[in-house]
Amino acid sequence: MSPEKKYTVVVVGCGKRGVHHAQEFYKNPRFQLVGLCDIDRGRVEAAAKQFGNPETSLDAAPLVKKLQPDIFCFCTLPNLRSPMIRLGVENGAKLIAFEKPIATSTNEALDIMKLLREARVKSVVRHQHRYGEHYKKVKEIIASGALGRVHTVYGTAPGWMLHMITHLIEYTRWYNDYAEAEWAMGQASGKAKFSDNHPSPDYIVGVIQYANGVRGIVESGDGAPDVPEVEAWWRKCRIGAQGTEGFAEVLTGGGWRAVTKQGLMSGPGGMDYAHDMPPYVQEIADWLDDPAKVHSCNGEQAYKGLEIMMAICRSVVERGKIKLPLGPGEPELEALQRALPD
C-alpha cells in the first residue's frame, strides 16, 4: 500500500476529547478529516472552523452513511458504545477508535467484540497516557531487569471506576508484559457515583492474579490513597511495579522514579495531550498500512482490561474469586449497585 494514501476520518463528539482527536487527525498528513458531528450546533461549528471546514451534522447516522469513512472515531458517553460501533461497522469503517471503557457490561463487551471480529474491523481504545515519556521510562526500567523478578504491579487513582480503572489495568498489564489474568477479587463501597454519566461505585479495589505469578492491585475512587506529590486532582495516579531488587513507578502528573541496586533515579514528565496524541494517531495509519503493526492501544487488549474490571465487580457481588475469562452474566453495574448498602 502506498505510504502516501490518505485515510478519511469522521469524528463524532466535539467536546474536549473529540477536539483532541479531530486536531491530530487534521494535522497528520496521512488523514483527511471529512466529517464532524455533535448534538451541540455551536460546538460542532466551532470545531469545523478550526479543522478545515469538513462536513458537519447534529446526527451521526446520516453523516457516517453519506461519507463512509475509513476511520470512524467517536468520543461520546459510555452508554453509546454499541450503537456507535454498529454504525461504523455497517458503513464500512476499516478502523473504529473510541473512548474507554469499551462497554458498561461484559455482555455488551462480548457483543461488541463479536461484531468487530466478524466484520474484521480494527479497533483502538483511548489509553493514550502510555505515550508519555515518564510512562515509557518506567516500562524501560522494568524491561531491563533492573527490578529483579517482578512480583507486584499496582495502580491507584482518585477518579471513579468508569473514568479511571481501565487506565490503571491497561498500564499495569503493559508493565507485566500483558500476562493473562487467572482470577480477580474485589471490594467496593458507596453508591453516590452511580448517578454520574460514568456510573461507578464511589470506591473500588481489586486484586488480580496473573498467570506468570505476578499480583496486580488496583484502587479507584474516593478511598484510593492520595498522591501528595501531584497537585492536579485528575493526575493523582500512581502506577508501577515492585520486584525482588527494587521498584519503579510513574505519577501521571509528577514524573517517574525508581530504586534499584544502582540507587535512586527519577525524572520529569506529565500528562500532555499535545505530546501523547500524535503517536496515538500515527499508529492508526501504521496499522492500516501494515496489519503486522498492531496499534499499542488495540481493542483486543482493551477488552481484556475491561474483563478484569468486570471480574472485580462480580467479585464484590459474589464475595469470592472470579475466574477469567468471563462469560455472559447479569450486567455488573446493576448487580453491584443493588448489592452495595445504602
C-alpha atoms as a PDB file:
ATOM      1  CA  MET A   1       0.000   0.000   0.000  1.00  0.00           C
ATOM      2  CA  SER A   2       1.324   3.448  -0.906  1.00  0.00           C
ATOM      3  CA  PRO A   3       2.648   5.352   2.111  1.00  0.00           C
ATOM      4  CA  GLU A   4       1.025   8.440   0.590  1.00  0.00           C
ATOM      5  CA  LYS A   5      -2.501   7.066   0.898  1.00  0.00           C
ATOM      6  CA  LYS A   6      -4.802   9.276   2.945  1.00  0.00           C
ATOM      7  CA  TYR A   7      -7.399   7.723   5.190  1.00  0.00           C
ATOM      8  CA  THR A   8     -10.708   9.540   5.586  1.00  0.00           C
ATOM      9  CA  VAL A   9     -11.966  10.230   9.113  1.00  0.00           C
ATOM     10  CA  VAL A  10     -15.251  11.177  10.743  1.00  0.00           C
ATOM     11  CA  VAL A  11     -15.152  12.300  14.398  1.00  0.00           C
ATOM     12  CA  VAL A  12     -18.349  12.204  16.453  1.00  0.00           C
ATOM     13  CA  GLY A  13     -18.359  14.236  19.663  1.00  0.00           C
ATOM     14  CA  CYS A  14     -16.758  17.683  19.753  1.00  0.00           C
ATOM     15  CA  GLY A  15     -16.109  18.021  23.466  1.00  0.00           C
ATOM     16  CA  LYS A  16     -12.557  18.221  24.798  1.00  0.00           C
ATOM     17  CA  ARG A  17     -11.617  14.661  23.862  1.00  0.00           C
ATOM     18  CA  GLY A  18     -13.257  14.842  20.444  1.00  0.00           C
ATOM     19  CA  VAL A  19     -11.444  18.066  19.635  1.00  0.00           C
ATOM     20  CA  HIS A  20      -8.127  16.471  20.662  1.00  0.00           C
ATOM     21  CA  HIS A  21      -8.783  13.655  18.175  1.00  0.00           C
ATOM     22  CA  ALA A  22     -10.011  15.934  15.397  1.00  0.00           C
ATOM     23  CA  GLN A  23      -6.998  18.191  15.805  1.00  0.00           C
ATOM     24  CA  GLU A  24      -4.487  15.369  15.475  1.00  0.00           C
ATOM     25  CA  PHE A  25      -6.228  13.753  12.517  1.00  0.00           C
ATOM     26  CA  TYR A  26      -6.373  17.178  10.844  1.00  0.00           C
ATOM     27  CA  LYS A  27      -2.669  17.880  11.462  1.00  0.00           C
ATOM     28  CA  ASN A  28      -1.418  14.462  10.333  1.00  0.00           C
ATOM     29  CA  PRO A  29      -0.900  14.301   6.524  1.00  0.00           C
ATOM     30  CA  ARG A  30      -1.928  10.634   6.442  1.00  0.00           C
ATOM     31  CA  PHE A  31      -5.552  11.554   7.213  1.00  0.00           C
ATOM     32  CA  GLN A  32      -8.337  13.622   5.718  1.00  0.00           C
ATOM     33  CA  LEU A  33     -10.905  14.833   8.246  1.00  0.00           C
ATOM     34  CA  VAL A  34     -14.115  14.711   6.218  1.00  0.00           C
ATOM     35  CA  GLY A  35     -16.811  14.975   8.883  1.00  0.00           C
ATOM     36  CA  LEU A  36     -17.582  16.237  12.390  1.00  0.00           C
ATOM     37  CA  CYS A  37     -20.682  15.638  14.485  1.00  0.00           C
ATOM     38  CA  ASP A  38     -22.014  16.837  17.824  1.00  0.00           C
ATOM     39  CA  ILE A  39     -25.508  17.299  19.247  1.00  0.00           C
ATOM     40  CA  ASP A  40     -24.484  20.887  20.140  1.00  0.00           C
ATOM     41  CA  ARG A  41     -24.547  23.030  16.987  1.00  0.00           C
ATOM     42  CA  GLY A  42     -22.249  25.674  18.414  1.00  0.00           C
ATOM     43  CA  ARG A  43     -19.624  23.118  19.362  1.00  0.00           C
ATOM     44  CA  VAL A  44     -19.521  21.351  16.029  1.00  0.00           C
ATOM     45  CA  GLU A  45     -19.465  24.586  14.058  1.00  0.00           C
ATOM     46  CA  ALA A  46     -16.622  25.957  16.191  1.00  0.00           C
ATOM     47  CA  ALA A  47     -14.628  22.745  15.687  1.00  0.00           C
ATOM     48  CA  ALA A  48     -15.247  22.780  11.935  1.00  0.00           C
ATOM     49  CA  LYS A  49     -13.795  26.282  11.659  1.00  0.00           C
ATOM     50  CA  GLN A  50     -10.605  25.081  13.356  1.00  0.00           C
ATOM     51  CA  PHE A  51     -10.162  21.998  11.191  1.00  0.00           C
ATOM     52  CA  GLY A  52     -10.682  22.930   7.563  1.00  0.00           C
ATOM     53  CA  ASN A  53     -14.483  23.111   7.495  1.00  0.00           C
ATOM     54  CA  PRO A  54     -15.338  19.445   6.943  1.00  0.00           C
ATOM     55  CA  GLU A  55     -18.967  18.406   6.571  1.00  0.00           C
ATOM     56  CA  THR A  56     -20.927  18.714   9.835  1.00  0.00           C
ATOM     57  CA  SER A  57     -24.066  17.220  11.324  1.00  0.00           C
ATOM     58  CA  LEU A  58     -26.035  17.067  14.569  1.00  0.00           C
ATOM     59  CA  ASP A  59     -26.808  13.392  13.871  1.00  0.00           C
ATOM     60  CA  ALA A  60     -24.051  10.826  13.417  1.00  0.00           C
ATOM     61  CA  ALA A  61     -26.008   8.233  11.429  1.00  0.00           C
ATOM     62  CA  PRO A  62     -26.712  10.179   8.203  1.00  0.00           C
ATOM     63  CA  LEU A  63     -23.231  11.718   8.233  1.00  0.00           C
ATOM     64  CA  VAL A  64     -21.440   8.376   8.517  1.00  0.00           C
ATOM     65  CA  LYS A  65     -23.750   6.740   5.963  1.00  0.00           C
ATOM     66  CA  LYS A  66     -23.049   9.519   3.490  1.00  0.00           C
ATOM     67  CA  LEU A  67     -19.268   9.774   3.972  1.00  0.00           C
ATOM     68  CA  GLN A  68     -18.379   6.077   4.534  1.00  0.00           C
ATOM     69  CA  PRO A  69     -15.088   6.961   6.268  1.00  0.00           C
ATOM     70  CA  ASP A  70     -12.084   4.679   6.565  1.00  0.00           C
ATOM     71  CA  ILE A  71     -11.848   5.615  10.250  1.00  0.00           C
ATOM     72  CA  PHE A  72     -14.830   6.212  12.494  1.00  0.00           C
ATOM     73  CA  CYS A  73     -13.797   7.951  15.712  1.00  0.00           C
ATOM     74  CA  PHE A  74     -16.337   8.711  18.408  1.00  0.00           C
ATOM     75  CA  CYS A  75     -15.840  10.428  21.752  1.00  0.00           C
ATOM     76  CA  THR A  76     -19.188  10.057  23.489  1.00  0.00           C
ATOM     77  CA  LEU A  77     -20.541   8.916  26.852  1.00  0.00           C
ATOM     78  CA  PRO A  78     -20.228   5.216  27.787  1.00  0.00           C
ATOM     79  CA  ASN A  79     -23.905   4.431  27.199  1.00  0.00           C
ATOM     80  CA  LEU A  80     -23.500   4.919  23.431  1.00  0.00           C
ATOM     81  CA  ARG A  81     -20.751   2.391  22.689  1.00  0.00           C
ATOM     82  CA  SER A  82     -22.803  -0.339  20.995  1.00  0.00           C
ATOM     83  CA  PRO A  83     -24.886   1.810  18.608  1.00  0.00           C
ATOM     84  CA  MET A  84     -21.855   3.860  17.579  1.00  0.00           C
ATOM     85  CA  ILE A  85     -19.728   0.786  16.858  1.00  0.00           C
ATOM     86  CA  ARG A  86     -22.542  -0.812  14.891  1.00  0.00           C
ATOM     87  CA  LEU A  87     -22.873   2.408  12.874  1.00  0.00           C
ATOM     88  CA  GLY A  88     -19.184   2.306  11.982  1.00  0.00           C
ATOM     89  CA  VAL A  89     -19.177  -1.388  11.098  1.00  0.00           C
ATOM     90  CA  GLU A  90     -22.310  -1.145   8.943  1.00  0.00           C
ATOM     91  CA  ASN A  91     -20.861   1.739   6.964  1.00  0.00           C
ATOM     92  CA  GLY A  92     -17.554   0.163   6.004  1.00  0.00           C
ATOM     93  CA  ALA A  93     -15.115   1.602   8.516  1.00  0.00           C
ATOM     94  CA  LYS A  94     -11.721  -0.107   8.429  1.00  0.00           C
ATOM     95  CA  LEU A  95     -10.932   1.027  11.986  1.00  0.00           C
ATOM     96  CA  ILE A  96     -13.042   2.360  14.847  1.00  0.00           C
ATOM     97  CA  ALA A  97     -11.404   4.497  17.548  1.00  0.00           C
ATOM     98  CA  PHE A  98     -13.306   5.204  20.735  1.00  0.00           C
ATOM     99  CA  GLU A  99     -13.126   6.031  24.422  1.00  0.00           C
ATOM    100  CA  LYS A 100     -12.567   3.712  27.328  1.00  0.00           C
ATOM    101  CA  PRO A 101     -14.164   1.739  28.835  1.00  0.00           C
ATOM    102  CA  ILE A 102     -15.200  -0.251  25.788  1.00  0.00           C
ATOM    103  CA  ALA A 103     -18.565  -1.165  27.342  1.00  0.00           C
ATOM    104  CA  THR A 104     -20.608  -0.927  30.536  1.00  0.00           C
ATOM    105  CA  SER A 105     -21.103  -4.688  30.958  1.00  0.00           C
ATOM    106  CA  THR A 106     -19.452  -7.941  29.974  1.00  0.00           C
ATOM    107  CA  ASN A 107     -22.483  -8.826  27.863  1.00  0.00           C
ATOM    108  CA  GLU A 108     -22.161  -5.619  25.856  1.00  0.00           C
ATOM    109  CA  ALA A 109     -18.398  -6.046  25.520  1.00  0.00           C
ATOM    110  CA  LEU A 110     -18.799  -9.611  24.222  1.00  0.00           C
ATOM    111  CA  ASP A 111     -21.326  -8.409  21.637  1.00  0.00           C
ATOM    112  CA  ILE A 112     -19.069  -5.533  20.571  1.00  0.00           C
ATOM    113  CA  MET A 113     -16.017  -7.754  20.149  1.00  0.00           C
ATOM    114  CA  LYS A 114     -18.013 -10.366  18.229  1.00  0.00           C
ATOM    115  CA  LEU A 115     -19.271  -7.678  15.862  1.00  0.00           C
ATOM    116  CA  LEU A 116     -15.799  -6.225  15.291  1.00  0.00           C
ATOM    117  CA  ARG A 117     -14.115  -9.598  14.847  1.00  0.00           C
ATOM    118  CA  GLU A 118     -16.698 -10.960  12.417  1.00  0.00           C
ATOM    119  CA  ALA A 119     -16.536  -7.779  10.338  1.00  0.00           C
ATOM    120  CA  ARG A 120     -12.709  -7.751  10.577  1.00  0.00           C
ATOM    121  CA  VAL A 121     -12.773  -4.140  11.694  1.00  0.00           C
ATOM    122  CA  LYS A 122      -9.783  -2.944  13.689  1.00  0.00           C
ATOM    123  CA  SER A 123     -10.432  -1.141  16.968  1.00  0.00           C
ATOM    124  CA  VAL A 124      -8.403   1.306  19.039  1.00  0.00           C
ATOM    125  CA  VAL A 125      -9.301   2.384  22.577  1.00  0.00           C
ATOM    126  CA  ARG A 126      -8.064   5.614  24.095  1.00  0.00           C
ATOM    127  CA  HIS A 127      -5.431   4.572  26.652  1.00  0.00           C
ATOM    128  CA  GLN A 128      -3.010   7.183  25.333  1.00  0.00           C
ATOM    129  CA  HIS A 129      -1.100   8.008  28.536  1.00  0.00           C
ATOM    130  CA  ARG A 130       1.311   5.188  27.690  1.00  0.00           C
ATOM    131  CA  TYR A 131       2.985   7.515  25.172  1.00  0.00           C
ATOM    132  CA  GLY A 132       4.161   9.812  27.969  1.00  0.00           C
ATOM    133  CA  GLU A 133       7.943   9.791  28.348  1.00  0.00           C
ATOM    134  CA  HIS A 134       7.618   9.111  32.082  1.00  0.00           C
ATOM    135  CA  TYR A 135       5.351   6.092  31.447  1.00  0.00           C
ATOM    136  CA  LYS A 136       7.769   4.751  28.852  1.00  0.00           C
ATOM    137  CA  LYS A 137      10.749   5.276  31.151  1.00  0.00           C
ATOM    138  CA  VAL A 138       9.179   3.075  33.836  1.00  0.00           C
ATOM    139  CA  LYS A 139       8.452   0.397  31.227  1.00  0.00           C
ATOM    140  CA  GLU A 140      12.085   0.610  30.085  1.00  0.00           C
ATOM    141  CA  ILE A 141      13.408   0.128  33.636  1.00  0.00           C
ATOM    142  CA  ILE A 142      11.121  -2.865  34.253  1.00  0.00           C
ATOM    143  CA  ALA A 143      12.029  -4.465  30.911  1.00  0.00           C
ATOM    144  CA  SER A 144      15.751  -4.005  31.598  1.00  0.00           C
ATOM    145  CA  GLY A 145      15.590  -6.422  34.534  1.00  0.00           C
ATOM    146  CA  ALA A 146      16.778  -3.769  36.991  1.00  0.00           C
ATOM    147  CA  LEU A 147      13.943  -4.657  39.390  1.00  0.00           C
ATOM    148  CA  GLY A 148      14.880  -8.328  39.507  1.00  0.00           C
ATOM    149  CA  ARG A 149      11.883 -10.657  39.415  1.00  0.00           C
ATOM    150  CA  VAL A 150       8.759  -8.502  39.314  1.00  0.00           C
ATOM    151  CA  HIS A 151       6.171  -9.792  41.778  1.00  0.00           C
ATOM    152  CA  THR A 152       3.651  -6.920  42.033  1.00  0.00           C
ATOM    153  CA  VAL A 153       2.173  -4.308  39.709  1.00  0.00           C
ATOM    154  CA  TYR A 154      -0.078  -1.600  41.125  1.00  0.00           C
ATOM    155  CA  GLY A 155      -2.143   1.424  40.207  1.00  0.00           C
ATOM    156  CA  THR A 156      -4.202   3.961  42.163  1.00  0.00           C
ATOM    157  CA  ALA A 157      -6.333   6.946  41.151  1.00  0.00           C
ATOM    158  CA  PRO A 158      -8.903   9.117  42.973  1.00  0.00           C
ATOM    159  CA  GLY A 159     -11.111   9.255  39.868  1.00  0.00           C
ATOM    160  CA  TRP A 160     -14.005   6.825  39.924  1.00  0.00           C
ATOM    161  CA  MET A 161     -14.063   3.476  38.200  1.00  0.00           C
ATOM    162  CA  LEU A 162     -15.544   4.047  34.744  1.00  0.00           C
ATOM    163  CA  HIS A 163     -13.271   7.042  34.276  1.00  0.00           C
ATOM    164  CA  MET A 164     -10.013   5.616  35.553  1.00  0.00           C
ATOM    165  CA  ILE A 165      -9.674   1.942  36.390  1.00  0.00           C
ATOM    166  CA  THR A 166      -9.185   0.616  32.858  1.00  0.00           C
ATOM    167  CA  HIS A 167      -6.277   3.063  32.565  1.00  0.00           C
ATOM    168  CA  LEU A 168      -4.749   1.548  35.699  1.00  0.00           C
ATOM    169  CA  ILE A 169      -5.350  -2.006  34.490  1.00  0.00           C
ATOM    170  CA  GLU A 170      -4.020  -1.303  30.992  1.00  0.00           C
ATOM    171  CA  TYR A 171      -0.736   0.212  32.138  1.00  0.00           C
ATOM    172  CA  THR A 172      -0.089  -2.337  34.880  1.00  0.00           C
ATOM    173  CA  ARG A 173      -0.771  -5.116  32.348  1.00  0.00           C
ATOM    174  CA  TRP A 174       1.696  -3.424  29.973  1.00  0.00           C
ATOM    175  CA  TYR A 175       4.291  -3.303  32.756  1.00  0.00           C
ATOM    176  CA  ASN A 176       3.631  -7.036  33.264  1.00  0.00           C
ATOM    177  CA  ASP A 177       4.126  -7.860  29.560  1.00  0.00           C
ATOM    178  CA  TYR A 178       0.385  -8.463  29.100  1.00  0.00           C
ATOM    179  CA  ALA A 179       0.389 -11.726  31.020  1.00  0.00           C
ATOM    180  CA  GLU A 180      -3.034 -13.358  31.141  1.00  0.00           C
ATOM    181  CA  ALA A 181      -5.136 -12.822  34.260  1.00  0.00           C
ATOM    182  CA  GLU A 182      -6.307 -16.008  36.006  1.00  0.00           C
ATOM    183  CA  TRP A 183      -8.652 -14.572  38.636  1.00  0.00           C
ATOM    184  CA  ALA A 184      -9.663 -11.365  40.383  1.00  0.00           C
ATOM    185  CA  MET A 185     -11.212 -10.369  43.700  1.00  0.00           C
ATOM    186  CA  GLY A 186     -12.671  -7.054  44.730  1.00  0.00           C
ATOM    187  CA  GLN A 187     -14.422  -4.908  47.277  1.00  0.00           C
ATOM    188  CA  ALA A 188     -16.355  -1.681  46.848  1.00  0.00           C
ATOM    189  CA  SER A 189     -18.264   0.954  48.782  1.00  0.00           C
ATOM    190  CA  GLY A 190     -20.559   3.889  48.167  1.00  0.00           C
ATOM    191  CA  LYS A 191     -23.355   4.447  45.634  1.00  0.00           C
ATOM    192  CA  ALA A 192     -23.299   8.200  45.022  1.00  0.00           C
ATOM    193  CA  LYS A 193     -21.339   7.965  41.775  1.00  0.00           C
ATOM    194  CA  PHE A 194     -23.858   5.612  40.181  1.00  0.00           C
ATOM    195  CA  SER A 195     -25.785   8.781  39.269  1.00  0.00           C
ATOM    196  CA  ASP A 196     -22.790  10.068  37.263  1.00  0.00           C
ATOM    197  CA  ASN A 197     -22.604   9.782  33.475  1.00  0.00           C
ATOM    198  CA  HIS A 198     -19.773   7.300  34.166  1.00  0.00           C
ATOM    199  CA  PRO A 199     -21.749   5.246  36.735  1.00  0.00           C
ATOM    200  CA  SER A 200     -19.458   3.652  39.325  1.00  0.00           C
ATOM    201  CA  PRO A 201     -19.150   2.775  42.981  1.00  0.00           C
ATOM    202  CA  ASP A 202     -17.577   5.586  44.986  1.00  0.00           C
ATOM    203  CA  TYR A 203     -14.558   3.355  45.653  1.00  0.00           C
ATOM    204  CA  ILE A 204     -13.393   0.008  44.383  1.00  0.00           C
ATOM    205  CA  VAL A 205     -10.271  -2.064  44.946  1.00  0.00           C
ATOM    206  CA  GLY A 206      -9.213  -5.169  43.077  1.00  0.00           C
ATOM    207  CA  VAL A 207      -6.599  -7.904  43.405  1.00  0.00           C
ATOM    208  CA  ILE A 208      -5.581  -9.674  40.200  1.00  0.00           C
ATOM    209  CA  GLN A 209      -3.608 -12.901  39.865  1.00  0.00           C
ATOM    210  CA  TYR A 210      -1.635 -13.204  36.637  1.00  0.00           C
ATOM    211  CA  ALA A 211      -0.524 -16.462  35.059  1.00  0.00           C
ATOM    212  CA  ASN A 212       3.157 -15.521  35.381  1.00  0.00           C
ATOM    213  CA  GLY A 213       2.816 -15.312  39.165  1.00  0.00           C
ATOM    214  CA  VAL A 214       2.645 -11.521  39.363  1.00  0.00           C
ATOM    215  CA  ARG A 215      -0.012  -9.986  41.620  1.00  0.00           C
ATOM    216  CA  GLY A 216      -1.872  -6.876  40.482  1.00  0.00           C
ATOM    217  CA  ILE A 217      -3.503  -4.346  42.809  1.00  0.00           C
ATOM    218  CA  VAL A 218      -5.718  -1.502  41.577  1.00  0.00           C
ATOM    219  CA  GLU A 219      -7.723   1.117  43.505  1.00  0.00           C
ATOM    220  CA  SER A 220     -10.039   3.759  42.109  1.00  0.00           C
ATOM    221  CA  GLY A 221     -12.290   6.348  43.735  1.00  0.00           C
ATOM    222  CA  ASP A 222     -12.569   8.273  46.973  1.00  0.00           C
ATOM    223  CA  GLY A 223     -10.938   5.537  49.052  1.00  0.00           C
ATOM    224  CA  ALA A 224      -7.800   5.428  46.930  1.00  0.00           C
ATOM    225  CA  PRO A 225      -4.650   6.803  48.578  1.00  0.00           C
ATOM    226  CA  ASP A 226      -3.641  10.380  47.906  1.00  0.00           C
ATOM    227  CA  VAL A 227      -0.654  11.139  45.698  1.00  0.00           C
ATOM    228  CA  PRO A 228       0.655  14.192  47.569  1.00  0.00           C
ATOM    229  CA  GLU A 229       3.458  14.738  45.071  1.00  0.00           C
ATOM    230  CA  VAL A 230       0.854  15.847  42.493  1.00  0.00           C
ATOM    231  CA  GLU A 231      -1.439  18.878  42.826  1.00  0.00           C
ATOM    232  CA  ALA A 232      -3.890  18.362  39.937  1.00  0.00           C
ATOM    233  CA  TRP A 233      -6.634  16.023  41.204  1.00  0.00           C
ATOM    234  CA  TRP A 234      -7.256  14.049  37.978  1.00  0.00           C
ATOM    235  CA  ARG A 235      -3.496  13.481  37.620  1.00  0.00           C
ATOM    236  CA  LYS A 236      -3.029  11.914  41.067  1.00  0.00           C
ATOM    237  CA  CYS A 237      -2.412   8.482  39.547  1.00  0.00           C
ATOM    238  CA  ARG A 238       0.404   6.229  40.781  1.00  0.00           C
ATOM    239  CA  ILE A 239       1.278   3.230  38.597  1.00  0.00           C
ATOM    240  CA  GLY A 240       4.270   0.974  38.994  1.00  0.00           C
ATOM    241  CA  ALA A 241       5.954  -2.337  39.630  1.00  0.00           C
ATOM    242  CA  GLN A 242       7.887  -3.856  42.517  1.00  0.00           C
ATOM    243  CA  GLY A 243      10.447  -6.611  42.167  1.00  0.00           C
ATOM    244  CA  THR A 244      12.986  -8.504  44.210  1.00  0.00           C
ATOM    245  CA  GLU A 245      15.600  -5.787  43.655  1.00  0.00           C
ATOM    246  CA  GLY A 246      13.628  -2.539  43.646  1.00  0.00           C
ATOM    247  CA  PHE A 247      10.638  -0.634  42.315  1.00  0.00           C
ATOM    248  CA  ALA A 248       9.745   1.827  39.571  1.00  0.00           C
ATOM    249  CA  GLU A 249       6.639   3.986  39.297  1.00  0.00           C
ATOM    250  CA  VAL A 250       5.092   6.778  37.280  1.00  0.00           C
ATOM    251  CA  LEU A 251       2.919   9.603  38.576  1.00  0.00           C
ATOM    252  CA  THR A 252       0.585  10.840  35.838  1.00  0.00           C
ATOM    253  CA  GLY A 253       1.186  14.442  36.853  1.00  0.00           C
ATOM    254  CA  GLY A 254       4.560  14.130  38.556  1.00  0.00           C
ATOM    255  CA  GLY A 255       7.283  12.347  36.615  1.00  0.00           C
ATOM    256  CA  TRP A 256       8.828   8.962  37.423  1.00  0.00           C
ATOM    257  CA  ARG A 257      11.147   7.427  39.995  1.00  0.00           C
ATOM    258  CA  ALA A 258      12.846   4.144  40.733  1.00  0.00           C
ATOM    259  CA  VAL A 259      15.049   2.476  43.318  1.00  0.00           C
ATOM    260  CA  THR A 260      17.316  -0.331  42.136  1.00  0.00           C
ATOM    261  CA  LYS A 261      20.722  -1.708  43.093  1.00  0.00           C
ATOM    262  CA  GLN A 262      22.148   1.264  41.201  1.00  0.00           C
ATOM    263  CA  GLY A 263      20.442   3.632  43.641  1.00  0.00           C
ATOM    264  CA  LEU A 264      17.682   6.236  43.415  1.00  0.00           C
ATOM    265  CA  MET A 265      16.689   7.530  39.980  1.00  0.00           C
ATOM    266  CA  SER A 266      13.988   9.992  38.972  1.00  0.00           C
ATOM    267  CA  GLY A 267      12.918  12.188  36.098  1.00  0.00           C
ATOM    268  CA  PRO A 268      10.264  14.598  34.866  1.00  0.00           C
ATOM    269  CA  GLY A 269       7.033  14.015  32.993  1.00  0.00           C
ATOM    270  CA  GLY A 270       3.380  14.904  32.992  1.00  0.00           C
ATOM    271  CA  MET A 271       0.163  14.116  31.143  1.00  0.00           C
ATOM    272  CA  ASP A 272       0.280  16.132  27.933  1.00  0.00           C
ATOM    273  CA  TYR A 273      -2.237  15.612  25.137  1.00  0.00           C
ATOM    274  CA  ALA A 274      -0.040  17.596  22.723  1.00  0.00           C
ATOM    275  CA  HIS A 275       2.710  15.019  23.282  1.00  0.00           C
ATOM    276  CA  ASP A 276       0.641  11.846  23.657  1.00  0.00           C
ATOM    277  CA  MET A 277      -1.954  12.209  20.895  1.00  0.00           C
ATOM    278  CA  PRO A 278       0.311  12.451  17.789  1.00  0.00           C
ATOM    279  CA  PRO A 279       1.850   8.952  18.195  1.00  0.00           C
ATOM    280  CA  TYR A 280      -1.561   7.522  19.138  1.00  0.00           C
ATOM    281  CA  VAL A 281      -2.981   8.839  15.860  1.00  0.00           C
ATOM    282  CA  GLN A 282       0.095   7.966  13.772  1.00  0.00           C
ATOM    283  CA  GLU A 283      -0.112   4.333  14.882  1.00  0.00           C
ATOM    284  CA  ILE A 284      -3.605   4.201  13.365  1.00  0.00           C
ATOM    285  CA  ALA A 285      -2.136   4.919   9.923  1.00  0.00           C
ATOM    286  CA  ASP A 286       0.717   2.493  10.552  1.00  0.00           C
ATOM    287  CA  TRP A 287      -1.695  -0.341  11.439  1.00  0.00           C
ATOM    288  CA  LEU A 288      -3.907   0.309   8.423  1.00  0.00           C
ATOM    289  CA  ASP A 289      -0.815   0.322   6.212  1.00  0.00           C
ATOM    290  CA  ASP A 290       0.558  -2.899   7.698  1.00  0.00           C
ATOM    291  CA  PRO A 291      -1.586  -5.399   9.674  1.00  0.00           C
ATOM    292  CA  ALA A 292       1.558  -6.570  11.491  1.00  0.00           C
ATOM    293  CA  LYS A 293       1.978  -3.142  13.126  1.00  0.00           C
ATOM    294  CA  VAL A 294      -0.783  -3.641  15.675  1.00  0.00           C
ATOM    295  CA  HIS A 295      -1.735  -0.458  17.496  1.00  0.00           C
ATOM    296  CA  SER A 296      -0.436  -0.200  21.070  1.00  0.00           C
ATOM    297  CA  CYS A 297      -3.986   0.665  22.231  1.00  0.00           C
ATOM    298  CA  ASN A 298      -5.737  -2.074  20.254  1.00  0.00           C
ATOM    299  CA  GLY A 299      -9.225  -3.165  21.227  1.00  0.00           C
ATOM    300  CA  GLU A 300      -8.317  -6.777  21.963  1.00  0.00           C
ATOM    301  CA  GLN A 301      -6.074  -5.740  24.843  1.00  0.00           C
ATOM    302  CA  ALA A 302      -8.607  -3.153  25.986  1.00  0.00           C
ATOM    303  CA  TYR A 303     -11.222  -5.909  26.123  1.00  0.00           C
ATOM    304  CA  LYS A 304      -9.038  -7.942  28.479  1.00  0.00           C
ATOM    305  CA  GLY A 305      -8.714  -4.905  30.735  1.00  0.00           C
ATOM    306  CA  LEU A 306     -12.483  -4.410  30.695  1.00  0.00           C
ATOM    307  CA  GLU A 307     -12.894  -8.085  31.551  1.00  0.00           C
ATOM    308  CA  ILE A 308     -10.678  -7.681  34.635  1.00  0.00           C
ATOM    309  CA  MET A 309     -12.667  -4.627  35.742  1.00  0.00           C
ATOM    310  CA  MET A 310     -15.900  -6.564  35.422  1.00  0.00           C
ATOM    311  CA  ALA A 311     -14.435  -9.575  37.253  1.00  0.00           C
ATOM    312  CA  ILE A 312     -13.635  -7.272  40.170  1.00  0.00           C
ATOM    313  CA  CYS A 313     -17.227  -6.011  40.119  1.00  0.00           C
ATOM    314  CA  ARG A 314     -18.597  -9.562  40.036  1.00  0.00           C
ATOM    315  CA  SER A 315     -16.379 -10.467  42.964  1.00  0.00           C
ATOM    316  CA  VAL A 316     -17.923  -7.725  45.088  1.00  0.00           C
ATOM    317  CA  VAL A 317     -21.371  -9.150  44.391  1.00  0.00           C
ATOM    318  CA  GLU A 318     -20.473 -12.847  44.652  1.00  0.00           C
ATOM    319  CA  ARG A 319     -17.964 -12.441  47.529  1.00  0.00           C
ATOM    320  CA  GLY A 320     -15.180 -14.580  46.166  1.00  0.00           C
ATOM    321  CA  LYS A 321     -12.608 -15.158  43.450  1.00  0.00           C
ATOM    322  CA  ILE A 322     -13.828 -14.726  39.893  1.00  0.00           C
ATOM    323  CA  LYS A 323     -12.013 -16.832  37.312  1.00  0.00           C
ATOM    324  CA  LEU A 324     -11.107 -15.398  33.941  1.00  0.00           C
ATOM    325  CA  PRO A 325     -12.024 -15.297  31.112  1.00  0.00           C
ATOM    326  CA  LEU A 326     -15.616 -14.229  31.774  1.00  0.00           C
ATOM    327  CA  GLY A 327     -18.778 -15.409  30.112  1.00  0.00           C
ATOM    328  CA  PRO A 328     -22.132 -13.625  29.907  1.00  0.00           C
ATOM    329  CA  GLY A 329     -23.902 -12.746  33.129  1.00  0.00           C
ATOM    330  CA  GLU A 330     -26.036 -10.205  34.907  1.00  0.00           C
ATOM    331  CA  PRO A 331     -24.972  -6.636  33.978  1.00  0.00           C
ATOM    332  CA  GLU A 332     -22.262  -5.892  36.506  1.00  0.00           C
ATOM    333  CA  LEU A 333     -23.048  -2.272  37.329  1.00  0.00           C
ATOM    334  CA  GLU A 334     -26.700  -3.048  38.032  1.00  0.00           C
ATOM    335  CA  ALA A 335     -25.777  -6.027  40.223  1.00  0.00           C
ATOM    336  CA  LEU A 336     -23.133  -4.013  42.049  1.00  0.00           C
ATOM    337  CA  GLN A 337     -25.427  -1.091  42.748  1.00  0.00           C
ATOM    338  CA  ARG A 338     -28.049  -3.442  44.132  1.00  0.00           C
ATOM    339  CA  ALA A 339     -25.524  -5.313  46.293  1.00  0.00           C
ATOM    340  CA  LEU A 340     -23.945  -2.294  47.953  1.00  0.00           C
ATOM    341  CA  PRO A 341     -25.636  -0.982  51.110  1.00  0.00           C
ATOM    342  CA  ASP A 342     -27.411   2.379  51.016  1.00  0.00           C
END
